[in-house]
């Protein structure tokens, strides 16, 4: 796939859609729903579909997340992991949340969900 520049005007969405948290779903599905409600500050795309979440591990009521950002120079590099941790901690079933920020492998547009790629004209 060729690397295309993301054009914000192609997205068309001015207000991000919220993903409902499924009440009786397994905890991992609830965590994914929470992640789909956290949006990149520069794109109206949630961090899950943007491909920033590399791993989600749920052990009992403990959740571990490995994530990245689009670039190490991202203006929210200092605050995004804490925001993710706080959002997941809001789930009643969660005891401990650990969010690890990694730069390896670096984020690239291939990590976008197919839905986002379609909306951006990358497929």
C-alpha atoms as a PDB file:
ATOM      1  CA  UNK A   1       0.000   0.000   0.000  1.00  0.00           C
ATOM      2  CA  UNK A   2       1.351   3.410  -0.876  1.00  0.00           C
ATOM      3  CA  UNK A   3       1.629   5.918   1.921  1.00  0.00           C
ATOM      4  CA  UNK A   4      -0.945   8.661   1.381  1.00  0.00           C
ATOM      5  CA  UNK A   5      -1.103  11.875   3.313  1.00  0.00           C
ATOM      6  CA  UNK A   6      -4.176  12.034   5.530  1.00  0.00           C
ATOM      7  CA  UNK A   7      -6.356  14.919   4.431  1.00  0.00           C
ATOM      8  CA  UNK A   8      -8.546  16.059   7.327  1.00  0.00           C
ATOM      9  CA  UNK A   9     -11.149  17.405   4.903  1.00  0.00           C
ATOM     10  CA  UNK A  10     -11.699  13.880   3.549  1.00  0.00           C
ATOM     11  CA  UNK A  11     -12.950  12.662   6.899  1.00  0.00           C
ATOM     12  CA  UNK A  12     -15.970  14.911   6.826  1.00  0.00           C
ATOM     13  CA  UNK A  13     -16.982  14.223  10.428  1.00  0.00           C
ATOM     14  CA  UNK A  14     -17.090  17.258  12.647  1.00  0.00           C
ATOM     15  CA  UNK A  15     -18.422  15.493  15.749  1.00  0.00           C
ATOM     16  CA  UNK A  16     -17.005  12.044  16.628  1.00  0.00           C
ATOM     17  CA  UNK A  17     -19.543   9.264  17.137  1.00  0.00           C
ATOM     18  CA  UNK A  18     -19.645   7.684  20.581  1.00  0.00           C
ATOM     19  CA  UNK A  19     -19.447   3.904  20.961  1.00  0.00           C
ATOM     20  CA  UNK A  20     -21.840   2.457  23.554  1.00  0.00           C
ATOM     21  CA  UNK A  21     -20.291   0.367  26.340  1.00  0.00           C
ATOM     22  CA  UNK A  22     -21.933  -3.086  26.196  1.00  0.00           C
ATOM     23  CA  UNK A  23     -23.361  -3.838  29.642  1.00  0.00           C
ATOM     24  CA  UNK A  24     -23.052  -7.650  29.675  1.00  0.00           C
ATOM     25  CA  UNK A  25     -20.045  -8.106  27.393  1.00  0.00           C
ATOM     26  CA  UNK A  26     -16.682  -9.562  28.439  1.00  0.00           C
ATOM     27  CA  UNK A  27     -14.331  -7.015  30.002  1.00  0.00           C
ATOM     28  CA  UNK A  28     -12.043  -6.897  26.943  1.00  0.00           C
ATOM     29  CA  UNK A  29     -14.986  -5.838  24.742  1.00  0.00           C
ATOM     30  CA  UNK A  30     -15.844  -3.107  27.240  1.00  0.00           C
ATOM     31  CA  UNK A  31     -12.226  -1.907  27.201  1.00  0.00           C
ATOM     32  CA  UNK A  32     -12.305  -1.746  23.397  1.00  0.00           C
ATOM     33  CA  UNK A  33     -15.542   0.256  23.539  1.00  0.00           C
ATOM     34  CA  UNK A  34     -13.911   2.707  25.967  1.00  0.00           C
ATOM     35  CA  UNK A  35     -10.889   3.027  23.645  1.00  0.00           C
ATOM     36  CA  UNK A  36     -13.236   3.741  20.738  1.00  0.00           C
ATOM     37  CA  UNK A  37     -14.513   6.745  22.719  1.00  0.00           C
ATOM     38  CA  UNK A  38     -11.067   8.330  23.053  1.00  0.00           C
ATOM     39  CA  UNK A  39     -10.262  10.457  20.023  1.00  0.00           C
ATOM     40  CA  UNK A  40      -7.006  11.701  18.579  1.00  0.00           C
ATOM     41  CA  UNK A  41      -6.781  15.456  19.218  1.00  0.00           C
ATOM     42  CA  UNK A  42      -5.942  16.225  15.584  1.00  0.00           C
ATOM     43  CA  UNK A  43      -8.153  13.714  13.752  1.00  0.00           C
ATOM     44  CA  UNK A  44     -11.774  12.852  14.476  1.00  0.00           C
ATOM     45  CA  UNK A  45     -10.725   9.186  14.683  1.00  0.00           C
ATOM     46  CA  UNK A  46     -10.704   7.096  17.842  1.00  0.00           C
ATOM     47  CA  UNK A  47      -7.382   5.743  19.063  1.00  0.00           C
ATOM     48  CA  UNK A  48      -8.438   2.111  18.565  1.00  0.00           C
ATOM     49  CA  UNK A  49      -9.362   2.480  14.881  1.00  0.00           C
ATOM     50  CA  UNK A  50      -6.379   4.768  14.374  1.00  0.00           C
ATOM     51  CA  UNK A  51      -4.196   1.760  15.233  1.00  0.00           C
ATOM     52  CA  UNK A  52      -2.608   3.247  18.337  1.00  0.00           C
ATOM     53  CA  UNK A  53      -3.463   0.227  20.511  1.00  0.00           C
ATOM     54  CA  UNK A  54      -0.952  -2.580  20.027  1.00  0.00           C
ATOM     55  CA  UNK A  55      -2.104  -4.941  22.786  1.00  0.00           C
ATOM     56  CA  UNK A  56      -4.889  -5.373  25.327  1.00  0.00           C
ATOM     57  CA  UNK A  57      -4.370  -7.966  28.056  1.00  0.00           C
ATOM     58  CA  UNK A  58      -7.142  -8.652  30.538  1.00  0.00           C
ATOM     59  CA  UNK A  59      -6.282 -10.879  33.496  1.00  0.00           C
ATOM     60  CA  UNK A  60      -9.203 -11.129  35.877  1.00  0.00           C
ATOM     61  CA  UNK A  61     -10.017  -7.503  36.637  1.00  0.00           C
ATOM     62  CA  UNK A  62      -6.577  -6.147  35.701  1.00  0.00           C
ATOM     63  CA  UNK A  63      -6.033  -4.518  32.296  1.00  0.00           C
ATOM     64  CA  UNK A  64      -2.722  -3.903  30.542  1.00  0.00           C
ATOM     65  CA  UNK A  65      -2.532  -1.804  27.396  1.00  0.00           C
ATOM     66  CA  UNK A  66       0.428  -1.332  25.074  1.00  0.00           C
ATOM     67  CA  UNK A  67      -0.058   1.698  22.864  1.00  0.00           C
ATOM     68  CA  UNK A  68       1.773   4.139  20.674  1.00  0.00           C
ATOM     69  CA  UNK A  69       1.112   7.579  19.242  1.00  0.00           C
ATOM     70  CA  UNK A  70       1.371   8.741  15.635  1.00  0.00           C
ATOM     71  CA  UNK A  71       4.689  10.437  16.377  1.00  0.00           C
ATOM     72  CA  UNK A  72       6.987  10.920  19.395  1.00  0.00           C
ATOM     73  CA  UNK A  73       6.455  14.668  18.924  1.00  0.00           C
ATOM     74  CA  UNK A  74       2.695  14.276  19.426  1.00  0.00           C
ATOM     75  CA  UNK A  75       1.429  17.124  21.626  1.00  0.00           C
ATOM     76  CA  UNK A  76      -0.412  14.653  23.892  1.00  0.00           C
ATOM     77  CA  UNK A  77       2.520  12.268  24.383  1.00  0.00           C
ATOM     78  CA  UNK A  78       2.689  13.199  28.057  1.00  0.00           C
ATOM     79  CA  UNK A  79      -1.032  13.034  28.758  1.00  0.00           C
ATOM     80  CA  UNK A  80      -2.621  10.436  26.446  1.00  0.00           C
ATOM     81  CA  UNK A  81      -1.484   7.303  28.354  1.00  0.00           C
ATOM     82  CA  UNK A  82      -2.862   8.758  31.599  1.00  0.00           C
ATOM     83  CA  UNK A  83      -6.122   9.671  29.852  1.00  0.00           C
ATOM     84  CA  UNK A  84      -6.448   6.111  28.556  1.00  0.00           C
ATOM     85  CA  UNK A  85      -5.728   4.732  32.024  1.00  0.00           C
ATOM     86  CA  UNK A  86      -8.341   6.978  33.660  1.00  0.00           C
ATOM     87  CA  UNK A  87     -10.991   6.141  31.062  1.00  0.00           C
ATOM     88  CA  UNK A  88     -10.524   2.381  31.481  1.00  0.00           C
ATOM     89  CA  UNK A  89     -10.413   2.711  35.264  1.00  0.00           C
ATOM     90  CA  UNK A  90     -13.973   4.085  35.071  1.00  0.00           C
ATOM     91  CA  UNK A  91     -15.230   0.593  34.199  1.00  0.00           C
ATOM     92  CA  UNK A  92     -16.738  -0.877  37.353  1.00  0.00           C
ATOM     93  CA  UNK A  93     -15.130  -4.314  36.843  1.00  0.00           C
ATOM     94  CA  UNK A  94     -11.589  -2.962  36.527  1.00  0.00           C
ATOM     95  CA  UNK A  95      -9.195  -3.169  39.452  1.00  0.00           C
ATOM     96  CA  UNK A  96      -5.768  -2.151  38.079  1.00  0.00           C
ATOM     97  CA  UNK A  97      -4.942  -0.499  34.742  1.00  0.00           C
ATOM     98  CA  UNK A  98      -1.430  -0.309  33.324  1.00  0.00           C
ATOM     99  CA  UNK A  99      -0.778   1.622  30.112  1.00  0.00           C
ATOM    100  CA  UNK A 100       2.615   1.294  28.451  1.00  0.00           C
ATOM    101  CA  UNK A 101       3.650   3.725  25.731  1.00  0.00           C
ATOM    102  CA  UNK A 102       5.975   2.305  23.085  1.00  0.00           C
ATOM    103  CA  UNK A 103       7.546   3.663  19.915  1.00  0.00           C
ATOM    104  CA  UNK A 104       8.508   0.268  18.539  1.00  0.00           C
ATOM    105  CA  UNK A 105       7.231  -0.488  16.017  1.00  0.00           C
ATOM    106  CA  UNK A 106       6.522   3.073  14.950  1.00  0.00           C
ATOM    107  CA  UNK A 107       2.954   3.898  13.972  1.00  0.00           C
ATOM    108  CA  UNK A 108       2.151   4.037  10.261  1.00  0.00           C
ATOM    109  CA  UNK A 109      -0.999   4.347   8.177  1.00  0.00           C
ATOM    110  CA  UNK A 110      -1.134   0.591   7.606  1.00  0.00           C
ATOM    111  CA  UNK A 111      -2.357   0.320  11.226  1.00  0.00           C
ATOM    112  CA  UNK A 112      -5.585   2.203  10.466  1.00  0.00           C
ATOM    113  CA  UNK A 113      -8.747   0.092  10.581  1.00  0.00           C
ATOM    114  CA  UNK A 114     -10.273  -0.742   7.198  1.00  0.00           C
ATOM    115  CA  UNK A 115     -13.253   1.471   8.060  1.00  0.00           C
ATOM    116  CA  UNK A 116     -10.977   4.485   8.580  1.00  0.00           C
ATOM    117  CA  UNK A 117      -8.961   3.663   5.456  1.00  0.00           C
ATOM    118  CA  UNK A 118     -12.205   3.601   3.453  1.00  0.00           C
ATOM    119  CA  UNK A 119     -13.388   6.907   4.885  1.00  0.00           C
ATOM    120  CA  UNK A 120     -10.022   8.487   4.037  1.00  0.00           C
ATOM    121  CA  UNK A 121      -9.947   7.037   0.523  1.00  0.00           C
ATOM    122  CA  UNK A 122      -6.902   4.899   1.272  1.00  0.00           C
ATOM    123  CA  UNK A 123      -8.507   1.613   0.119  1.00  0.00           C
END
